[in-house]
C-alpha atoms as a PDB file:
ATOM      1  CA  MET A   1     315.306   6.408  24.819  1.00  0.00           C
ATOM      2  CA  LEU A   2     314.605   3.753  21.697  1.00  0.00           C
ATOM      3  CA  THR A   3     311.180   3.552  19.860  1.00  0.00           C
ATOM      4  CA  LEU A   4     310.548   0.177  17.746  1.00  0.00           C
ATOM      5  CA  SER A   5     311.041   2.116  14.315  1.00  0.00           C
ATOM      6  CA  THR A   6     314.512   2.060  15.161  1.00  0.00           C
ATOM      7  CA  LEU A   7     315.493  -1.115  16.618  1.00  0.00           C
ATOM      8  CA  GLY A   8     314.566  -2.565  12.672  1.00  0.00           C
ATOM      9  CA  ASN A   9     316.826  -4.696  11.209  1.00  0.00           C
ATOM     10  CA  ARG A  10     319.167  -2.926   8.280  1.00  0.00           C
ATOM     11  CA  VAL A  11     322.073  -3.148   6.221  1.00  0.00           C
ATOM     12  CA  MET A  12     325.227  -0.780   6.815  1.00  0.00           C
ATOM     13  CA  ILE A  13     326.951  -0.302   3.788  1.00  0.00           C
ATOM     14  CA  GLU A  14     330.931   1.636   3.489  1.00  0.00           C
ATOM     15  CA  ALA A  15     331.773   2.409  -0.276  1.00  0.00           C
ATOM     16  CA  MET A  16     334.555   2.909  -1.861  1.00  0.00           C
ATOM     17  CA  THR A  17     335.332   3.782  -5.587  1.00  0.00           C
ATOM     18  CA  TRP A  18     338.666   5.784  -7.257  1.00  0.00           C
ATOM     19  CA  ALA A  19     338.632   7.038 -10.346  1.00  0.00           C
ATOM     20  CA  ARG A  20     341.958   4.743 -12.071  1.00  0.00           C
ATOM     21  CA  ASP A  21     340.971   1.972 -13.775  1.00  0.00           C
ATOM     22  CA  SER A  22     342.388  -0.831 -11.871  1.00  0.00           C
ATOM     23  CA  HIS A  23     340.684  -4.066 -14.034  1.00  0.00           C
ATOM     24  CA  GLY A  24     338.242  -4.320 -10.805  1.00  0.00           C
ATOM     25  CA  LEU A  25     340.778  -4.441  -8.007  1.00  0.00           C
ATOM     26  CA  PHE A  26     340.816  -2.421  -5.309  1.00  0.00           C
ATOM     27  CA  ASP A  27     343.774   0.585  -5.748  1.00  0.00           C
ATOM     28  CA  TYR A  28     345.157  -0.081  -2.312  1.00  0.00           C
ATOM     29  CA  GLU A  29     347.941   3.322  -3.999  1.00  0.00           C
ATOM     30  CA  THR A  30     345.613   6.059  -4.794  1.00  0.00           C
ATOM     31  CA  LYS A  31     345.032   8.833  -2.773  1.00  0.00           C
ATOM     32  CA  ASN A  32     341.678   9.909  -4.720  1.00  0.00           C
ATOM     33  CA  LEU A  33     339.342   7.662  -3.026  1.00  0.00           C
ATOM     34  CA  THR A  34     335.627   8.961  -2.344  1.00  0.00           C
ATOM     35  CA  LYS A  35     333.854   6.944   0.743  1.00  0.00           C
ATOM     36  CA  ASN A  36     330.322   6.427   0.980  1.00  0.00           C
ATOM     37  CA  ALA A  37     327.856   5.430   4.011  1.00  0.00           C
ATOM     38  CA  LEU A  38     324.715   4.350   2.683  1.00  0.00           C
ATOM     39  CA  LYS A  39     322.068   1.888   4.642  1.00  0.00           C
ATOM     40  CA  ALA A  40     319.653  -0.281   3.802  1.00  0.00           C
ATOM     41  CA  GLU A  41     315.939  -0.761   5.801  1.00  0.00           C
ATOM     42  CA  LYS A  42     313.985  -2.480   2.676  1.00  0.00           C
ATOM     43  CA  SER A  43     314.819  -3.588  -0.489  1.00  0.00           C
ATOM     44  CA  THR A  44     317.426  -1.544  -2.617  1.00  0.00           C
ATOM     45  CA  ILE A  45     319.311  -1.614  -5.025  1.00  0.00           C
ATOM     46  CA  VAL A  46     322.603  -0.117  -4.638  1.00  0.00           C
ATOM     47  CA  MET A  47     324.218   2.061  -7.872  1.00  0.00           C
ATOM     48  CA  GLN A  48     327.085   3.803  -8.468  1.00  0.00           C
ATOM     49  CA  SER A  49     327.052   7.466 -10.667  1.00  0.00           C
ATOM     50  CA  ASP A  50     330.748   8.194 -11.316  1.00  0.00           C
ATOM     51  CA  LYS A  51     332.519   7.892  -7.987  1.00  0.00           C
ATOM     52  CA  GLU A  52     329.583   8.226  -6.015  1.00  0.00           C
ATOM     53  CA  VAL A  53     327.112   5.705  -5.059  1.00  0.00           C
ATOM     54  CA  HIS A  54     323.803   5.479  -3.602  1.00  0.00           C
ATOM     55  CA  THR A  55     320.981   3.622  -3.220  1.00  0.00           C
ATOM     56  CA  VAL A  56     317.440   3.316  -4.631  1.00  0.00           C
ATOM     57  CA  ASN A  57     314.273   1.989  -3.297  1.00  0.00           C
ATOM     58  CA  TYR A  58     313.508  -1.444  -5.194  1.00  0.00           C
ATOM     59  CA  ASP A  59     310.139  -2.462  -5.421  1.00  0.00           C
ATOM     60  CA  GLU A  60     309.611  -6.608  -6.326  1.00  0.00           C
ATOM     61  CA  SER A  61     306.512  -5.947  -8.149  1.00  0.00           C
ATOM     62  CA  LYS A  62     308.188  -4.073 -10.776  1.00  0.00           C
ATOM     63  CA  SER A  63     310.968  -5.343 -13.702  1.00  0.00           C
ATOM     64  CA  PHE A  64     314.683  -5.020 -12.002  1.00  0.00           C
ATOM     65  CA  GLU A  65     315.862  -3.408 -15.588  1.00  0.00           C
ATOM     66  CA  LYS A  66     313.416  -1.013 -15.692  1.00  0.00           C
ATOM     67  CA  GLN A  67     314.215   0.070 -12.550  1.00  0.00           C
ATOM     68  CA  VAL A  68     317.682   0.722 -13.646  1.00  0.00           C
ATOM     69  CA  GLU A  69     317.387   2.479 -16.384  1.00  0.00           C
ATOM     70  CA  ALA A  70     314.799   4.651 -14.692  1.00  0.00           C
ATOM     71  CA  ASN A  71     317.018   5.993 -12.048  1.00  0.00           C
ATOM     72  CA  LYS A  72     320.446   6.439 -14.277  1.00  0.00           C
ATOM     73  CA  SER A  73     321.015  10.086 -13.994  1.00  0.00           C
ATOM     74  CA  LEU A  74     324.123   9.366 -16.486  1.00  0.00           C
ATOM     75  CA  SER A  75     324.483   6.515 -19.344  1.00  0.00           C
ATOM     76  CA  ASP A  76     327.639   5.092 -17.769  1.00  0.00           C
ATOM     77  CA  ASP A  77     325.578   4.883 -14.602  1.00  0.00           C
ATOM     78  CA  LYS A  78     325.265   1.030 -13.633  1.00  0.00           C
ATOM     79  CA  ALA A  79     323.672  -1.244 -10.663  1.00  0.00           C
ATOM     80  CA  LEU A  80     326.479  -3.054  -8.579  1.00  0.00           C
ATOM     81  CA  ILE A  81     324.067  -5.047  -6.411  1.00  0.00           C
ATOM     82  CA  LYS A  82     319.853  -5.953  -5.128  1.00  0.00           C
ATOM     83  CA  ILE A  83     319.534  -6.159  -1.527  1.00  0.00           C
ATOM     84  CA  VAL A  84     316.151  -7.755  -0.621  1.00  0.00           C
ATOM     85  CA  ASN A  85     314.388  -7.969   2.928  1.00  0.00           C
ATOM     86  CA  ILE A  86     311.571 -10.542   2.575  1.00  0.00           C
ATOM     87  CA  ASP A  87     309.996 -10.936   6.467  1.00  0.00           C
ATOM     88  CA  GLY A  88     312.899  -9.063   7.246  1.00  0.00           C
ATOM     89  CA  VAL A  89     316.143 -10.875   6.463  1.00  0.00           C
ATOM     90  CA  PHE A  90     318.147  -9.186   3.633  1.00  0.00           C
ATOM     91  CA  TYR A  91     319.243 -11.148   0.650  1.00  0.00           C
ATOM     92  CA  LEU A  92     322.343  -9.518  -1.181  1.00  0.00           C
ATOM     93  CA  GLU A  93     321.860 -10.798  -4.908  1.00  0.00           C
ATOM     94  CA  SER A  94     324.300  -9.967  -7.625  1.00  0.00           C
ATOM     95  CA  VAL A  95     323.162  -7.992 -10.317  1.00  0.00           C
ATOM     96  CA  THR A  96     324.958  -9.976 -12.977  1.00  0.00           C
ATOM     97  CA  CYS A  97     322.558 -12.642 -13.607  1.00  0.00           C
ATOM     98  CA  LEU A  98     319.543 -10.769 -13.159  1.00  0.00           C
ATOM     99  CA  GLY A  99     318.943  -9.441 -16.332  1.00  0.00           C
ATOM    100  CA  ASP A 100     318.474 -12.813 -17.659  1.00  0.00           C
ATOM    101  CA  LEU A 101     315.591 -13.335 -14.579  1.00  0.00           C
ATOM    102  CA  ASP A 102     313.683 -10.137 -15.415  1.00  0.00           C
ATOM    103  CA  ASP A 103     312.923 -12.555 -19.412  1.00  0.00           C
ATOM    104  CA  PRO A 104     311.888 -15.358 -19.645  1.00  0.00           C
ATOM    105  CA  GLU A 105     312.850 -15.850 -22.841  1.00  0.00           C
ATOM    106  CA  ARG A 106     316.337 -15.647 -22.096  1.00  0.00           C
ATOM    107  CA  ALA A 107     316.709 -17.853 -18.596  1.00  0.00           C
END
């Protein structure tokens, strides 16, 4: 039996990382692939820490950059994408331009 709480919208994420630098391109020849299966049911930041990919809750009332900094466990950790849930509809936002949106002087 299914309950209403299990019928909500969600984003299923399959992330694959590898150790060797391949200039941003997928390395089809690698044997050292790390796979992560994640899901987002609310606004979320997808972050990478070394070869692991994980999600952290995103609070729209707080600065994106401050939330990323607060959730870094290593200095090399980085945000990959922001997933925003607005009234049950999910939007993916690139993190490459989000820093400019949080700072009115740079926008």
